């Protein structure tokens, strides 16, 4: 026996241990690589594709090195088993073939004389799982928290540069303002009936941003004018309505009107807001009045807003139950939030700047009076007046006769002042049950909120946005990014189970090989030849 045969052979143990160490190293590298990607923002699909390619490649190297380590161990265990036990040719064939042919697991002799070979061969057959499950451990999902970043966003802005978008002009387009456009009338009617802001198209599916812009607003208050004017108002109202508290018991329970321009001034009359207010009340209540009434205040005083009046008369008073609302230009600071397509709008600040009248609405060349786009603002006020002006007559028998007004189809019927419409004139017979949707909002608050909602809903109409919809503006946006997500538990469990089993098998067989007998070393050399 030569000295070389008595010495341990380091080649095969070194290959087993080296392959095992490389496999474990790549497994750990794969784990830490995926861990570094966890919760990281995915900038593009190409980036995610390369992450998966790298991870799959590392998983393949883990499989390759561990297969080599277990393969060396299986070969050593095979020759050790053959040297220590007598086996038939059928059993030997099963021992040699079980690593490549799964049907050899059915050999009973293999299970009786080579149980260790069965265990190691099972590990060999299980190794492909490494390359199958590891790529699926890296996925993408929306981040739970949005990231606030500054973007050049394609945000919608209101386009007030063309007044004909918001209005209808007489003659060839230079004769002056005539009426609100169909788009404005439809928008005002929709917002008034829904009672909510019509959502616009979101720049991003999940985002939030802030914008500042100018748009119309309404300021409402009890009707002014002093005791003398209130007395004249009450007298005119009684003369025009003649409430009947007899058998029919009918009375006007609601009215709304716009100041009207006097056709002819009588002696000692002045064309001011008081006269226009009384003429507006007379025009809306007079049975002989014309149906062609102005639906927007035509007082050409740039210092005074367009006025609109709403009244809730009762037996005890008329003028003191009337409010007046004026049109103003306001600056808005609004935060828009979009979550899965649902819009939430928060007005962080609204400041009324100046009143808006019709003084400059008929002159295109004076379209911007005091920096205010008068025509779009007047068009909104005009559409609101056409929707609400008119009156409602109620009776003790629970019957209502609305004339011209469409307020019953709006959310304004849920205000505190309008709750009396649910009862008869003498409050003896309820017209309808109490609504669970009534609010404590006053008509003043509801009217102001309605016009604010109309202003915010302007962004939902493409006609009111610039023709070039891709206008870039600086905006602060919170975007919900797509991030990588790693199933750490699955990777750790899989790597721990496999590397633990392979480490025990390979280390045991490596130690056994180095301490083996000369005969064992000869079988080892035969194994290399067989391989």
Foldseek 3Di string as FASTA:
>chain_A
DDPVLFFFDVPLLCLLVVLLVQLLVLLVVLLVLLVVQAFFFDPDPVVVVVSLVVSLVSLVSSLVSLLRNLVSLLLLLLLVLVVVDDDDPLLNCLSVCVLPDVVSVPDPSCCVRPVVSVVSSVLSVPSVVSSVCRSVQKDKDWDPFFDWDKDQFLDWDFDLPDLVLFFDAPDPRQQFGDATDPVLLVLLLVCQLVVFFDDADDSDQFKKWKDKDKDKFKFKDQDDDDPVLQVVLFVLQCVLFVQDCPPWRKGWQKFKWFFAFDPDDDPPDDRDPSNSVSVGSCQQRHPPHDPPTQLWHQPQDQQFFIKMKMAGDAPVGTSRRMMIMGMFMKMWIKMWGHDSRDIDIDTPDIDTDGHAHCNCRTGPVPCQDVNDRRSNRRNNSSSVSQAAGHTWMFTQVLDIDTDSHNSVSGPLCLEPSNPCNQHGNVRPHGNDDDDPPRDPHHSSRSRRSSSVSSRSNCNRDPSRTDPPSRRTDIITMGGRGMGMRGPSVVSVVVSVVSSVVSVVSSVVSSVCSSNDRSVSVVSSVVSVVVD
